[in-house]
Each structure stands twice: as structure tokens, then as C-alpha cells.
Amino acid sequence: MVLGLEAQAGSTSLIQALLRHGYDLDVEGDRLRIRPADRVDDTLAELLTQHELLPIVLRLVAMRRLARVAPKAVVYASPEARGGPGRCFSCGDPLEHPTAYGRCGPCDVAADLFYSRSVIEESAGVS
């Protein structure tokens, strides 16, 4: 068991556990960056490779940045995103169905993480 997670834990649970345990998640280029790196042992590294965290963390980082510099009522990953039929209103990526409205999967997960993390930080007095 890593970070208190079962082996079959999903990406959302893994990201939440990393944040809860004090890891900082970021994106540099096309790579996921986890700090402190010296706390990532072989077991955790293997678990990280089993999950596609980069698209989610990329959007989560963008949402956090944009919420600070250009807050809106709803978090979004790209200020240039133009939602509409078949497009994610948060990042602009195509949705699975050409007439669908809403967020893409990674943006949906990132928004949930953003709001849950914001609530945790607010209750702890973190700004």
C-alpha cells in the first residue's frame, strides 16, 4: 500500500493522496514534476507510471494559475478556450461527442481536485 492507497486506486485518488501527503505537483514541458523528488521511492514511481496524471495535473496547474490572475465564477484551464458543441469549455479540446457540452475528462477531474483542494486550503488558512 502506497500513501494509504490500494493498488487499484484511480488517478483522482492518487493525486489527492499526493497532495494530502505534502507533495507538490507541477508540469515542466511535457513531464510531470513531483517534489520533493527524494520522497518518490520505487513503489510510488511504479504507481505513478500506471496512471496518466499529466493531462490532469497540467489542467489543475493551469486552473490554479488562472484563478489567481483572472478569476471567474468557474475554473478553467485556458483563457482562450471557447466552449461549444463538441469542445471543452475549460481547455478547448474536443469532446467525445461532437454535440456534447461541458468539460473534457481531464478538465472535469482537475476541476474537482481544484475545488476540493481549495476547500482544504481555505479551512486550513492557506492562501
C-alpha atoms as a PDB file:
ATOM      1  CA  MET A   1       0.000   0.000   0.000  1.00  0.00           C
ATOM      2  CA  VAL A   2       1.422   3.381  -1.052  1.00  0.00           C
ATOM      3  CA  LEU A   3       0.221   6.660   0.525  1.00  0.00           C
ATOM      4  CA  GLY A   4      -2.570   4.647   2.111  1.00  0.00           C
ATOM      5  CA  LEU A   5      -3.919   3.666  -1.326  1.00  0.00           C
ATOM      6  CA  GLU A   6      -4.830   0.260  -2.644  1.00  0.00           C
ATOM      7  CA  ALA A   7      -3.035  -0.794  -5.840  1.00  0.00           C
ATOM      8  CA  GLN A   8      -6.186  -0.285  -7.942  1.00  0.00           C
ATOM      9  CA  ALA A   9      -6.730   3.334  -6.821  1.00  0.00           C
ATOM     10  CA  GLY A  10      -7.663   5.748  -9.599  1.00  0.00           C
ATOM     11  CA  SER A  11      -5.838   8.850 -10.785  1.00  0.00           C
ATOM     12  CA  THR A  12      -8.002  11.214  -8.734  1.00  0.00           C
ATOM     13  CA  SER A  13      -7.343   9.289  -5.515  1.00  0.00           C
ATOM     14  CA  LEU A  14      -3.626   9.189  -6.275  1.00  0.00           C
ATOM     15  CA  ILE A  15      -3.412  12.950  -6.875  1.00  0.00           C
ATOM     16  CA  GLN A  16      -5.453  13.666  -3.730  1.00  0.00           C
ATOM     17  CA  ALA A  17      -3.186  11.389  -1.690  1.00  0.00           C
ATOM     18  CA  LEU A  18      -0.045  13.034  -3.065  1.00  0.00           C
ATOM     19  CA  LEU A  19      -1.361  16.494  -2.180  1.00  0.00           C
ATOM     20  CA  ARG A  20      -2.514  15.323   1.263  1.00  0.00           C
ATOM     21  CA  HIS A  21       0.966  13.930   1.943  1.00  0.00           C
ATOM     22  CA  GLY A  22       2.653  17.232   1.084  1.00  0.00           C
ATOM     23  CA  TYR A  23       3.836  16.547  -2.448  1.00  0.00           C
ATOM     24  CA  ASP A  24       3.896  19.450  -4.887  1.00  0.00           C
ATOM     25  CA  LEU A  25       2.720  18.571  -8.399  1.00  0.00           C
ATOM     26  CA  ASP A  26       3.765  20.630 -11.389  1.00  0.00           C
ATOM     27  CA  VAL A  27       4.378  20.298 -15.103  1.00  0.00           C
ATOM     28  CA  GLU A  28       7.631  21.184 -16.843  1.00  0.00           C
ATOM     29  CA  GLY A  29       7.370  20.898 -20.601  1.00  0.00           C
ATOM     30  CA  ASP A  30       5.754  17.540 -21.234  1.00  0.00           C
ATOM     31  CA  ARG A  31       6.821  15.962 -17.946  1.00  0.00           C
ATOM     32  CA  LEU A  32       5.105  15.637 -14.595  1.00  0.00           C
ATOM     33  CA  ARG A  33       7.251  17.064 -11.795  1.00  0.00           C
ATOM     34  CA  ILE A  34       6.776  15.840  -8.224  1.00  0.00           C
ATOM     35  CA  ARG A  35       8.544  17.438  -5.294  1.00  0.00           C
ATOM     36  CA  PRO A  36      10.187  16.521  -3.078  1.00  0.00           C
ATOM     37  CA  ALA A  37      11.668  14.041  -5.537  1.00  0.00           C
ATOM     38  CA  ASP A  38      13.693  12.280  -2.845  1.00  0.00           C
ATOM     39  CA  ARG A  39      10.427  11.022  -1.302  1.00  0.00           C
ATOM     40  CA  VAL A  40       9.431   9.205  -4.520  1.00  0.00           C
ATOM     41  CA  ASP A  41      10.545   5.638  -3.932  1.00  0.00           C
ATOM     42  CA  ASP A  42      10.409   2.769  -6.439  1.00  0.00           C
ATOM     43  CA  THR A  43       6.939   1.661  -5.319  1.00  0.00           C
ATOM     44  CA  LEU A  44       5.470   5.146  -5.744  1.00  0.00           C
ATOM     45  CA  ALA A  45       7.300   5.626  -9.057  1.00  0.00           C
ATOM     46  CA  GLU A  46       5.748   2.400 -10.347  1.00  0.00           C
ATOM     47  CA  LEU A  47       2.282   3.527  -9.250  1.00  0.00           C
ATOM     48  CA  LEU A  48       2.807   6.888 -10.984  1.00  0.00           C
ATOM     49  CA  THR A  49       3.693   5.183 -14.268  1.00  0.00           C
ATOM     50  CA  GLN A  50       0.445   3.196 -14.130  1.00  0.00           C
ATOM     51  CA  HIS A  51      -1.646   6.394 -14.230  1.00  0.00           C
ATOM     52  CA  GLU A  52      -1.933   9.081 -16.872  1.00  0.00           C
ATOM     53  CA  LEU A  53      -1.613  12.011 -14.487  1.00  0.00           C
ATOM     54  CA  LEU A  54      -0.001  14.539 -16.833  1.00  0.00           C
ATOM     55  CA  PRO A  55      -3.211  15.722 -18.598  1.00  0.00           C
ATOM     56  CA  ILE A  56      -4.976  16.146 -15.263  1.00  0.00           C
ATOM     57  CA  VAL A  57      -2.098  17.882 -13.463  1.00  0.00           C
ATOM     58  CA  LEU A  58      -1.471  20.112 -16.494  1.00  0.00           C
ATOM     59  CA  ARG A  59      -5.051  21.378 -16.280  1.00  0.00           C
ATOM     60  CA  LEU A  60      -5.011  21.602 -12.477  1.00  0.00           C
ATOM     61  CA  VAL A  61      -1.861  23.761 -12.558  1.00  0.00           C
ATOM     62  CA  ALA A  62      -3.394  25.987 -15.249  1.00  0.00           C
ATOM     63  CA  MET A  63      -6.645  26.319 -13.276  1.00  0.00           C
ATOM     64  CA  ARG A  64      -4.753  27.339 -10.131  1.00  0.00           C
ATOM     65  CA  ARG A  65      -2.695  29.908 -12.042  1.00  0.00           C
ATOM     66  CA  LEU A  66      -5.681  31.399 -13.850  1.00  0.00           C
ATOM     67  CA  ALA A  67      -7.783  31.508 -10.682  1.00  0.00           C
ATOM     68  CA  ARG A  68      -5.156  33.794  -9.164  1.00  0.00           C
ATOM     69  CA  VAL A  69      -4.608  36.115 -12.134  1.00  0.00           C
ATOM     70  CA  ALA A  70      -8.027  36.169 -13.811  1.00  0.00           C
ATOM     71  CA  PRO A  71     -10.659  34.711 -11.502  1.00  0.00           C
ATOM     72  CA  LYS A  72     -14.015  33.684 -12.920  1.00  0.00           C
ATOM     73  CA  ALA A  73     -17.063  32.087 -11.360  1.00  0.00           C
ATOM     74  CA  VAL A  74     -15.992  28.722 -12.810  1.00  0.00           C
ATOM     75  CA  VAL A  75     -12.402  27.481 -13.025  1.00  0.00           C
ATOM     76  CA  TYR A  76     -10.952  26.953 -16.476  1.00  0.00           C
ATOM     77  CA  ALA A  77      -7.650  25.703 -17.892  1.00  0.00           C
ATOM     78  CA  SER A  78      -7.182  28.065 -20.831  1.00  0.00           C
ATOM     79  CA  PRO A  79      -8.296  31.683 -21.221  1.00  0.00           C
ATOM     80  CA  GLU A  80      -8.557  31.112 -24.973  1.00  0.00           C
ATOM     81  CA  ALA A  81     -10.925  28.148 -24.636  1.00  0.00           C
ATOM     82  CA  ARG A  82     -14.178  28.630 -26.487  1.00  0.00           C
ATOM     83  CA  GLY A  83     -16.647  26.005 -25.449  1.00  0.00           C
ATOM     84  CA  GLY A  84     -19.472  24.994 -27.657  1.00  0.00           C
ATOM     85  CA  PRO A  85     -20.782  21.877 -29.295  1.00  0.00           C
ATOM     86  CA  GLY A  86     -18.085  19.233 -29.125  1.00  0.00           C
ATOM     87  CA  ARG A  87     -15.485  21.436 -27.352  1.00  0.00           C
ATOM     88  CA  CYS A  88     -14.432  21.549 -23.707  1.00  0.00           C
ATOM     89  CA  PHE A  89     -15.328  24.963 -22.311  1.00  0.00           C
ATOM     90  CA  SER A  90     -12.342  24.775 -19.948  1.00  0.00           C
ATOM     91  CA  CYS A  91      -9.440  23.903 -22.280  1.00  0.00           C
ATOM     92  CA  GLY A  92     -10.958  23.869 -25.774  1.00  0.00           C
ATOM     93  CA  ASP A  93     -10.075  20.239 -26.532  1.00  0.00           C
ATOM     94  CA  PRO A  94     -12.576  18.142 -28.486  1.00  0.00           C
ATOM     95  CA  LEU A  95     -15.171  16.221 -26.503  1.00  0.00           C
ATOM     96  CA  GLU A  96     -16.041  12.591 -27.205  1.00  0.00           C
ATOM     97  CA  HIS A  97     -19.302  13.503 -28.914  1.00  0.00           C
ATOM     98  CA  PRO A  98     -19.473  16.331 -31.479  1.00  0.00           C
ATOM     99  CA  THR A  99     -22.657  17.818 -30.000  1.00  0.00           C
ATOM    100  CA  ALA A 100     -21.720  17.459 -26.326  1.00  0.00           C
ATOM    101  CA  TYR A 101     -21.292  20.445 -23.991  1.00  0.00           C
ATOM    102  CA  GLY A 102     -19.168  20.640 -20.841  1.00  0.00           C
ATOM    103  CA  ARG A 103     -15.652  19.716 -19.787  1.00  0.00           C
ATOM    104  CA  CYS A 104     -13.399  17.005 -21.153  1.00  0.00           C
ATOM    105  CA  GLY A 105     -12.476  14.166 -18.774  1.00  0.00           C
ATOM    106  CA  PRO A 106      -9.111  15.577 -17.618  1.00  0.00           C
ATOM    107  CA  CYS A 107     -10.618  19.062 -17.027  1.00  0.00           C
ATOM    108  CA  ASP A 108     -13.529  17.557 -15.105  1.00  0.00           C
ATOM    109  CA  VAL A 109     -11.171  15.679 -12.788  1.00  0.00           C
ATOM    110  CA  ALA A 110      -8.859  18.703 -12.450  1.00  0.00           C
ATOM    111  CA  ALA A 111     -11.797  20.967 -11.549  1.00  0.00           C
ATOM    112  CA  ASP A 112     -12.943  18.520  -8.866  1.00  0.00           C
ATOM    113  CA  LEU A 113      -9.397  18.444  -7.490  1.00  0.00           C
ATOM    114  CA  PHE A 114      -9.153  22.239  -7.677  1.00  0.00           C
ATOM    115  CA  TYR A 115     -12.340  22.738  -5.677  1.00  0.00           C
ATOM    116  CA  SER A 116     -11.562  20.012  -3.127  1.00  0.00           C
ATOM    117  CA  ARG A 117      -8.026  21.362  -2.655  1.00  0.00           C
ATOM    118  CA  SER A 118      -9.296  24.940  -2.359  1.00  0.00           C
ATOM    119  CA  VAL A 119     -11.711  23.880   0.368  1.00  0.00           C
ATOM    120  CA  ILE A 120      -8.921  22.052   2.223  1.00  0.00           C
ATOM    121  CA  GLU A 121      -6.561  25.046   1.949  1.00  0.00           C
ATOM    122  CA  GLU A 122      -9.283  27.511   2.949  1.00  0.00           C
ATOM    123  CA  SER A 123     -10.199  25.508   6.036  1.00  0.00           C
ATOM    124  CA  ALA A 124      -6.516  25.284   6.990  1.00  0.00           C
ATOM    125  CA  GLY A 125      -5.977  29.022   6.452  1.00  0.00           C
ATOM    126  CA  VAL A 126      -3.621  28.541   3.472  1.00  0.00           C
ATOM    127  CA  SER A 127      -3.740  31.265   0.838  1.00  0.00           C
END
